[in-house]
Amino acid sequence: AAASFSQDLISVIFFLGVGCGLGS
């Protein structure tokens, strides 16, 4: 959900890469 609101690639890397990676 946080990655869907991200405005730069660094935020996408953090939320979609790191956050979702930890959760999965």
mmCIF file of all heavy atoms, coordinates in Angstrom:
data_MODEL
# 
_entry.id   MODEL 
# 
loop_
_atom_site.group_PDB 
_atom_site.id 
_atom_site.type_symbol 
_atom_site.label_atom_id 
_atom_site.label_alt_id 
_atom_site.label_comp_id 
_atom_site.label_asym_id 
_atom_site.label_entity_id 
_atom_site.label_seq_id 
_atom_site.pdbx_PDB_ins_code 
_atom_site.Cartn_x 
_atom_site.Cartn_y 
_atom_site.Cartn_z 
_atom_site.occupancy 
_atom_site.B_iso_or_equiv 
_atom_site.pdbx_formal_charge 
_atom_site.auth_seq_id 
_atom_site.auth_comp_id 
_atom_site.auth_asym_id 
_atom_site.auth_atom_id 
_atom_site.pdbx_PDB_model_num 
ATOM 1   N N   . ALA A 1 1  ? 0.830  -1.211  0.000  1.00 0.00 ? 1  ALA A N   1 
ATOM 2   C CA  . ALA A 1 1  ? 0.000  0.000   0.000  1.00 0.00 ? 1  ALA A CA  1 
ATOM 3   C C   . ALA A 1 1  ? 0.863  1.258   0.000  1.00 0.00 ? 1  ALA A C   1 
ATOM 4   O O   . ALA A 1 1  ? 0.580  2.228   -0.724 1.00 0.00 ? 1  ALA A O   1 
ATOM 5   C CB  . ALA A 1 1  ? -0.931 -0.003  1.211  1.00 0.00 ? 1  ALA A CB  1 
ATOM 6   N N   . ALA A 1 2  ? 1.929  1.265   0.803  1.00 0.00 ? 2  ALA A N   1 
ATOM 7   C CA  . ALA A 1 2  ? 2.806  2.438   0.858  1.00 0.00 ? 2  ALA A CA  1 
ATOM 8   C C   . ALA A 1 2  ? 3.512  2.658   -0.466 1.00 0.00 ? 2  ALA A C   1 
ATOM 9   O O   . ALA A 1 2  ? 3.715  3.802   -0.900 1.00 0.00 ? 2  ALA A O   1 
ATOM 10  C CB  . ALA A 1 2  ? 3.819  2.270   1.985  1.00 0.00 ? 2  ALA A CB  1 
ATOM 11  N N   . ALA A 1 3  ? 3.892  1.553   -1.151 1.00 0.00 ? 3  ALA A N   1 
ATOM 12  C CA  . ALA A 1 3  ? 4.577  1.683   -2.440 1.00 0.00 ? 3  ALA A CA  1 
ATOM 13  C C   . ALA A 1 3  ? 3.679  2.326   -3.490 1.00 0.00 ? 3  ALA A C   1 
ATOM 14  O O   . ALA A 1 3  ? 4.166  3.008   -4.398 1.00 0.00 ? 3  ALA A O   1 
ATOM 15  C CB  . ALA A 1 3  ? 5.059  0.320   -2.921 1.00 0.00 ? 3  ALA A CB  1 
ATOM 16  N N   . SER A 1 4  ? 2.376  2.144   -3.372 1.00 0.00 ? 4  SER A N   1 
ATOM 17  C CA  . SER A 1 4  ? 1.458  2.728   -4.360 1.00 0.00 ? 4  SER A CA  1 
ATOM 18  C C   . SER A 1 4  ? 1.424  4.253   -4.285 1.00 0.00 ? 4  SER A C   1 
ATOM 19  O O   . SER A 1 4  ? 1.039  4.905   -5.252 1.00 0.00 ? 4  SER A O   1 
ATOM 20  C CB  . SER A 1 4  ? 0.052  2.163   -4.148 1.00 0.00 ? 4  SER A CB  1 
ATOM 21  O OG  . SER A 1 4  ? -0.501 2.608   -2.909 1.00 0.00 ? 4  SER A OG  1 
ATOM 22  N N   . PHE A 1 5  ? 1.830  4.823   -3.145 1.00 0.00 ? 5  PHE A N   1 
ATOM 23  C CA  . PHE A 1 5  ? 1.849  6.285   -2.987 1.00 0.00 ? 5  PHE A CA  1 
ATOM 24  C C   . PHE A 1 5  ? 3.248  6.870   -3.175 1.00 0.00 ? 5  PHE A C   1 
ATOM 25  O O   . PHE A 1 5  ? 3.423  8.093   -3.057 1.00 0.00 ? 5  PHE A O   1 
ATOM 26  C CB  . PHE A 1 5  ? 1.323  6.677   -1.603 1.00 0.00 ? 5  PHE A CB  1 
ATOM 27  C CG  . PHE A 1 5  ? -0.123 6.331   -1.385 1.00 0.00 ? 5  PHE A CG  1 
ATOM 28  C CD1 . PHE A 1 5  ? -0.484 5.202   -0.659 1.00 0.00 ? 5  PHE A CD1 1 
ATOM 29  C CD2 . PHE A 1 5  ? -1.134 7.126   -1.912 1.00 0.00 ? 5  PHE A CD2 1 
ATOM 30  C CE1 . PHE A 1 5  ? -1.818 4.878   -0.450 1.00 0.00 ? 5  PHE A CE1 1 
ATOM 31  C CE2 . PHE A 1 5  ? -2.469 6.807   -1.712 1.00 0.00 ? 5  PHE A CE2 1 
ATOM 32  C CZ  . PHE A 1 5  ? -2.815 5.678   -0.984 1.00 0.00 ? 5  PHE A CZ  1 
ATOM 33  N N   . SER A 1 6  ? 4.232  6.027   -3.434 1.00 0.00 ? 6  SER A N   1 
ATOM 34  C CA  . SER A 1 6  ? 5.615  6.507   -3.549 1.00 0.00 ? 6  SER A CA  1 
ATOM 35  C C   . SER A 1 6  ? 5.787  7.356   -4.802 1.00 0.00 ? 6  SER A C   1 
ATOM 36  O O   . SER A 1 6  ? 5.232  7.055   -5.859 1.00 0.00 ? 6  SER A O   1 
ATOM 37  C CB  . SER A 1 6  ? 6.579  5.321   -3.589 1.00 0.00 ? 6  SER A CB  1 
ATOM 38  O OG  . SER A 1 6  ? 6.471  4.542   -2.410 1.00 0.00 ? 6  SER A OG  1 
ATOM 39  N N   . GLN A 1 7  ? 6.610  8.415   -4.677 1.00 0.00 ? 7  GLN A N   1 
ATOM 40  C CA  . GLN A 1 7  ? 6.839  9.336   -5.780 1.00 0.00 ? 7  GLN A CA  1 
ATOM 41  C C   . GLN A 1 7  ? 8.246  9.238   -6.356 1.00 0.00 ? 7  GLN A C   1 
ATOM 42  O O   . GLN A 1 7  ? 8.564  9.950   -7.306 1.00 0.00 ? 7  GLN A O   1 
ATOM 43  C CB  . GLN A 1 7  ? 6.583  10.772  -5.311 1.00 0.00 ? 7  GLN A CB  1 
ATOM 44  C CG  . GLN A 1 7  ? 5.168  11.020  -4.822 1.00 0.00 ? 7  GLN A CG  1 
ATOM 45  C CD  . GLN A 1 7  ? 4.118  10.761  -5.887 1.00 0.00 ? 7  GLN A CD  1 
ATOM 46  O OE1 . GLN A 1 7  ? 4.325  11.114  -7.058 1.00 0.00 ? 7  GLN A OE1 1 
ATOM 47  N NE2 . GLN A 1 7  ? 3.001  10.146  -5.517 1.00 0.00 ? 7  GLN A NE2 1 
ATOM 48  N N   . ASP A 1 8  ? 9.083  8.398   -5.803 1.00 0.00 ? 8  ASP A N   1 
ATOM 49  C CA  . ASP A 1 8  ? 10.438 8.218   -6.332 1.00 0.00 ? 8  ASP A CA  1 
ATOM 50  C C   . ASP A 1 8  ? 10.828 6.755   -6.196 1.00 0.00 ? 8  ASP A C   1 
ATOM 51  O O   . ASP A 1 8  ? 10.222 6.006   -5.431 1.00 0.00 ? 8  ASP A O   1 
ATOM 52  C CB  . ASP A 1 8  ? 11.444 9.115   -5.603 1.00 0.00 ? 8  ASP A CB  1 
ATOM 53  C CG  . ASP A 1 8  ? 11.445 8.859   -4.101 1.00 0.00 ? 8  ASP A CG  1 
ATOM 54  O OD1 . ASP A 1 8  ? 12.146 7.934   -3.654 1.00 0.00 ? 8  ASP A OD1 1 
ATOM 55  O OD2 . ASP A 1 8  ? 10.710 9.584   -3.373 1.00 0.00 ? 8  ASP A OD2 1 
ATOM 56  N N   . LEU A 1 9  ? 11.842 6.358   -6.938 1.00 0.00 ? 9  LEU A N   1 
ATOM 57  C CA  . LEU A 1 9  ? 12.230 4.953   -7.000 1.00 0.00 ? 9  LEU A CA  1 
ATOM 58  C C   . LEU A 1 9  ? 12.828 4.467   -5.687 1.00 0.00 ? 9  LEU A C   1 
ATOM 59  O O   . LEU A 1 9  ? 12.679 3.294   -5.326 1.00 0.00 ? 9  LEU A O   1 
ATOM 60  C CB  . LEU A 1 9  ? 13.227 4.740   -8.144 1.00 0.00 ? 9  LEU A CB  1 
ATOM 61  C CG  . LEU A 1 9  ? 13.601 3.296   -8.465 1.00 0.00 ? 9  LEU A CG  1 
ATOM 62  C CD1 . LEU A 1 9  ? 12.357 2.469   -8.782 1.00 0.00 ? 9  LEU A CD1 1 
ATOM 63  C CD2 . LEU A 1 9  ? 14.582 3.251   -9.633 1.00 0.00 ? 9  LEU A CD2 1 
ATOM 64  N N   . ILE A 1 10 ? 13.485 5.357   -4.956 1.00 0.00 ? 10 ILE A N   1 
ATOM 65  C CA  . ILE A 1 10 ? 14.068 4.964   -3.666 1.00 0.00 ? 10 ILE A CA  1 
ATOM 66  C C   . ILE A 1 10 ? 12.974 4.538   -2.692 1.00 0.00 ? 10 ILE A C   1 
ATOM 67  O O   . ILE A 1 10 ? 13.114 3.543   -1.963 1.00 0.00 ? 10 ILE A O   1 
ATOM 68  C CB  . ILE A 1 10 ? 14.899 6.116   -3.064 1.00 0.00 ? 10 ILE A CB  1 
ATOM 69  C CG1 . ILE A 1 10 ? 16.042 6.501   -4.018 1.00 0.00 ? 10 ILE A CG1 1 
ATOM 70  C CG2 . ILE A 1 10 ? 15.465 5.709   -1.706 1.00 0.00 ? 10 ILE A CG2 1 
ATOM 71  C CD1 . ILE A 1 10 ? 16.996 5.363   -4.314 1.00 0.00 ? 10 ILE A CD1 1 
ATOM 72  N N   . SER A 1 11 ? 11.869 5.268   -2.678 1.00 0.00 ? 11 SER A N   1 
ATOM 73  C CA  . SER A 1 11 ? 10.749 4.899   -1.807 1.00 0.00 ? 11 SER A CA  1 
ATOM 74  C C   . SER A 1 11 ? 10.145 3.569   -2.232 1.00 0.00 ? 11 SER A C   1 
ATOM 75  O O   . SER A 1 11 ? 9.762  2.746   -1.396 1.00 0.00 ? 11 SER A O   1 
ATOM 76  C CB  . SER A 1 11 ? 9.677  5.994   -1.838 1.00 0.00 ? 11 SER A CB  1 
ATOM 77  O OG  . SER A 1 11 ? 10.189 7.219   -1.374 1.00 0.00 ? 11 SER A OG  1 
ATOM 78  N N   . VAL A 1 12 ? 10.057 3.344   -3.547 1.00 0.00 ? 12 VAL A N   1 
ATOM 79  C CA  . VAL A 1 12 ? 9.540  2.070   -4.035 1.00 0.00 ? 12 VAL A CA  1 
ATOM 80  C C   . VAL A 1 12 ? 10.447 0.923   -3.597 1.00 0.00 ? 12 VAL A C   1 
ATOM 81  O O   . VAL A 1 12 ? 9.976  -0.141  -3.175 1.00 0.00 ? 12 VAL A O   1 
ATOM 82  C CB  . VAL A 1 12 ? 9.404  2.099   -5.572 1.00 0.00 ? 12 VAL A CB  1 
ATOM 83  C CG1 . VAL A 1 12 ? 9.001  0.724   -6.096 1.00 0.00 ? 12 VAL A CG1 1 
ATOM 84  C CG2 . VAL A 1 12 ? 8.376  3.141   -5.994 1.00 0.00 ? 12 VAL A CG2 1 
ATOM 85  N N   . ILE A 1 13 ? 11.755 1.148   -3.686 1.00 0.00 ? 13 ILE A N   1 
ATOM 86  C CA  . ILE A 1 13 ? 12.707 0.119   -3.255 1.00 0.00 ? 13 ILE A CA  1 
ATOM 87  C C   . ILE A 1 13 ? 12.523 -0.190  -1.773 1.00 0.00 ? 13 ILE A C   1 
ATOM 88  O O   . ILE A 1 13 ? 12.534 -1.354  -1.358 1.00 0.00 ? 13 ILE A O   1 
ATOM 89  C CB  . ILE A 1 13 ? 14.152 0.566   -3.548 1.00 0.00 ? 13 ILE A CB  1 
ATOM 90  C CG1 . ILE A 1 13 ? 14.399 0.614   -5.054 1.00 0.00 ? 13 ILE A CG1 1 
ATOM 91  C CG2 . ILE A 1 13 ? 15.160 -0.370  -2.882 1.00 0.00 ? 13 ILE A CG2 1 
ATOM 92  C CD1 . ILE A 1 13 ? 15.761 1.156   -5.438 1.00 0.00 ? 13 ILE A CD1 1 
ATOM 93  N N   . PHE A 1 14 ? 12.316 0.840   -0.970 1.00 0.00 ? 14 PHE A N   1 
ATOM 94  C CA  . PHE A 1 14 ? 12.193 0.631   0.478  1.00 0.00 ? 14 PHE A CA  1 
ATOM 95  C C   . PHE A 1 14 ? 10.880 -0.088  0.828  1.00 0.00 ? 14 PHE A C   1 
ATOM 96  O O   . PHE A 1 14 ? 10.892 -1.099  1.544  1.00 0.00 ? 14 PHE A O   1 
ATOM 97  C CB  . PHE A 1 14 ? 12.273 1.967   1.212  1.00 0.00 ? 14 PHE A CB  1 
ATOM 98  C CG  . PHE A 1 14 ? 12.097 1.847   2.697  1.00 0.00 ? 14 PHE A CG  1 
ATOM 99  C CD1 . PHE A 1 14 ? 13.120 1.380   3.509  1.00 0.00 ? 14 PHE A CD1 1 
ATOM 100 C CD2 . PHE A 1 14 ? 10.887 2.176   3.299  1.00 0.00 ? 14 PHE A CD2 1 
ATOM 101 C CE1 . PHE A 1 14 ? 12.964 1.259   4.875  1.00 0.00 ? 14 PHE A CE1 1 
ATOM 102 C CE2 . PHE A 1 14 ? 10.711 2.053   4.667  1.00 0.00 ? 14 PHE A CE2 1 
ATOM 103 C CZ  . PHE A 1 14 ? 11.758 1.601   5.455  1.00 0.00 ? 14 PHE A CZ  1 
ATOM 104 N N   . PHE A 1 15 ? 9.765  0.417   0.331  1.00 0.00 ? 15 PHE A N   1 
ATOM 105 C CA  . PHE A 1 15 ? 8.468  -0.151  0.716  1.00 0.00 ? 15 PHE A CA  1 
ATOM 106 C C   . PHE A 1 15 ? 8.196  -1.486  0.022  1.00 0.00 ? 15 PHE A C   1 
ATOM 107 O O   . PHE A 1 15 ? 7.808  -2.464  0.673  1.00 0.00 ? 15 PHE A O   1 
ATOM 108 C CB  . PHE A 1 15 ? 7.340  0.840   0.405  1.00 0.00 ? 15 PHE A CB  1 
ATOM 109 C CG  . PHE A 1 15 ? 7.343  2.058   1.275  1.00 0.00 ? 15 PHE A CG  1 
ATOM 110 C CD1 . PHE A 1 15 ? 7.523  3.323   0.732  1.00 0.00 ? 15 PHE A CD1 1 
ATOM 111 C CD2 . PHE A 1 15 ? 7.180  1.947   2.649  1.00 0.00 ? 15 PHE A CD2 1 
ATOM 112 C CE1 . PHE A 1 15 ? 7.533  4.450   1.537  1.00 0.00 ? 15 PHE A CE1 1 
ATOM 113 C CE2 . PHE A 1 15 ? 7.184  3.072   3.471  1.00 0.00 ? 15 PHE A CE2 1 
ATOM 114 C CZ  . PHE A 1 15 ? 7.370  4.327   2.904  1.00 0.00 ? 15 PHE A CZ  1 
ATOM 115 N N   . LEU A 1 16 ? 8.386  -1.508  -1.300 1.00 0.00 ? 16 LEU A N   1 
ATOM 116 C CA  . LEU A 1 16 ? 8.070  -2.715  -2.048 1.00 0.00 ? 16 LEU A CA  1 
ATOM 117 C C   . LEU A 1 16 ? 9.160  -3.770  -1.931 1.00 0.00 ? 16 LEU A C   1 
ATOM 118 O O   . LEU A 1 16 ? 8.873  -4.969  -1.861 1.00 0.00 ? 16 LEU A O   1 
ATOM 119 C CB  . LEU A 1 16 ? 7.832  -2.368  -3.524 1.00 0.00 ? 16 LEU A CB  1 
ATOM 120 C CG  . LEU A 1 16 ? 7.266  -3.467  -4.424 1.00 0.00 ? 16 LEU A CG  1 
ATOM 121 C CD1 . LEU A 1 16 ? 5.943  -3.979  -3.873 1.00 0.00 ? 16 LEU A CD1 1 
ATOM 122 C CD2 . LEU A 1 16 ? 7.090  -2.955  -5.845 1.00 0.00 ? 16 LEU A CD2 1 
ATOM 123 N N   . GLY A 1 17 ? 10.414 -3.324  -1.895 1.00 0.00 ? 17 GLY A N   1 
ATOM 124 C CA  . GLY A 1 17 ? 11.506 -4.270  -1.795 1.00 0.00 ? 17 GLY A CA  1 
ATOM 125 C C   . GLY A 1 17 ? 11.756 -4.746  -0.375 1.00 0.00 ? 17 GLY A C   1 
ATOM 126 O O   . GLY A 1 17 ? 11.659 -5.937  -0.066 1.00 0.00 ? 17 GLY A O   1 
ATOM 127 N N   . VAL A 1 18 ? 12.036 -3.794  0.520  1.00 0.00 ? 18 VAL A N   1 
ATOM 128 C CA  . VAL A 1 18 ? 12.404 -4.146  1.898  1.00 0.00 ? 18 VAL A CA  1 
ATOM 129 C C   . VAL A 1 18 ? 11.176 -4.515  2.720  1.00 0.00 ? 18 VAL A C   1 
ATOM 130 O O   . VAL A 1 18 ? 11.126 -5.578  3.351  1.00 0.00 ? 18 VAL A O   1 
ATOM 131 C CB  . VAL A 1 18 ? 13.167 -2.986  2.557  1.00 0.00 ? 18 VAL A CB  1 
ATOM 132 C CG1 . VAL A 1 18 ? 13.527 -3.346  4.001  1.00 0.00 ? 18 VAL A CG1 1 
ATOM 133 C CG2 . VAL A 1 18 ? 14.430 -2.664  1.776  1.00 0.00 ? 18 VAL A CG2 1 
ATOM 134 N N   . GLY A 1 19 ? 10.151 -3.638  2.736  1.00 0.00 ? 19 GLY A N   1 
ATOM 135 C CA  . GLY A 1 19 ? 8.972  -3.889  3.568  1.00 0.00 ? 19 GLY A CA  1 
ATOM 136 C C   . GLY A 1 19 ? 8.223  -5.152  3.180  1.00 0.00 ? 19 GLY A C   1 
ATOM 137 O O   . GLY A 1 19 ? 7.944  -6.013  4.025  1.00 0.00 ? 19 GLY A O   1 
ATOM 138 N N   . CYS A 1 20 ? 7.909  -5.276  1.895  1.00 0.00 ? 20 CYS A N   1 
ATOM 139 C CA  . CYS A 1 20 ? 7.200  -6.479  1.448  1.00 0.00 ? 20 CYS A CA  1 
ATOM 140 C C   . CYS A 1 20 ? 8.075  -7.715  1.556  1.00 0.00 ? 20 CYS A C   1 
ATOM 141 O O   . CYS A 1 20 ? 7.575  -8.821  1.809  1.00 0.00 ? 20 CYS A O   1 
ATOM 142 C CB  . CYS A 1 20 ? 6.729  -6.299  0.006  1.00 0.00 ? 20 CYS A CB  1 
ATOM 143 S SG  . CYS A 1 20 ? 5.422  -5.085  -0.207 1.00 0.00 ? 20 CYS A SG  1 
ATOM 144 N N   . GLY A 1 21 ? 9.381  -7.553  1.381  1.00 0.00 ? 21 GLY A N   1 
ATOM 145 C CA  . GLY A 1 21 ? 10.281 -8.694  1.522  1.00 0.00 ? 21 GLY A CA  1 
ATOM 146 C C   . GLY A 1 21 ? 10.274 -9.251  2.933  1.00 0.00 ? 21 GLY A C   1 
ATOM 147 O O   . GLY A 1 21 ? 10.233 -10.471 3.137  1.00 0.00 ? 21 GLY A O   1 
ATOM 148 N N   . LEU A 1 22 ? 10.308 -8.366  3.924  1.00 0.00 ? 22 LEU A N   1 
ATOM 149 C CA  . LEU A 1 22 ? 10.260 -8.814  5.323  1.00 0.00 ? 22 LEU A CA  1 
ATOM 150 C C   . LEU A 1 22 ? 8.930  -9.498  5.625  1.00 0.00 ? 22 LEU A C   1 
ATOM 151 O O   . LEU A 1 22 ? 8.881  -10.552 6.275  1.00 0.00 ? 22 LEU A O   1 
ATOM 152 C CB  . LEU A 1 22 ? 10.464 -7.626  6.260  1.00 0.00 ? 22 LEU A CB  1 
ATOM 153 C CG  . LEU A 1 22 ? 11.848 -6.966  6.246  1.00 0.00 ? 22 LEU A CG  1 
ATOM 154 C CD1 . LEU A 1 22 ? 11.866 -5.747  7.156  1.00 0.00 ? 22 LEU A CD1 1 
ATOM 155 C CD2 . LEU A 1 22 ? 12.925 -7.943  6.661  1.00 0.00 ? 22 LEU A CD2 1 
ATOM 156 N N   . GLY A 1 23 ? 7.842  -8.904  5.155  1.00 0.00 ? 23 GLY A N   1 
ATOM 157 C CA  . GLY A 1 23 ? 6.529  -9.487  5.427  1.00 0.00 ? 23 GLY A CA  1 
ATOM 158 C C   . GLY A 1 23 ? 6.332  -10.841 4.776  1.00 0.00 ? 23 GLY A C   1 
ATOM 159 O O   . GLY A 1 23 ? 5.855  -11.786 5.416  1.00 0.00 ? 23 GLY A O   1 
ATOM 160 N N   . SER A 1 24 ? 6.716  -10.953 3.515  1.00 0.00 ? 24 SER A N   1 
ATOM 161 C CA  . SER A 1 24 ? 6.551  -12.239 2.837  1.00 0.00 ? 24 SER A CA  1 
ATOM 162 C C   . SER A 1 24 ? 7.465  -13.299 3.427  1.00 0.00 ? 24 SER A C   1 
ATOM 163 O O   . SER A 1 24 ? 7.120  -14.487 3.456  1.00 0.00 ? 24 SER A O   1 
ATOM 164 C CB  . SER A 1 24 ? 6.830  -12.081 1.339  1.00 0.00 ? 24 SER A CB  1 
ATOM 165 O OG  . SER A 1 24 ? 8.176  -11.688 1.110  1.00 0.00 ? 24 SER A OG  1 
# 
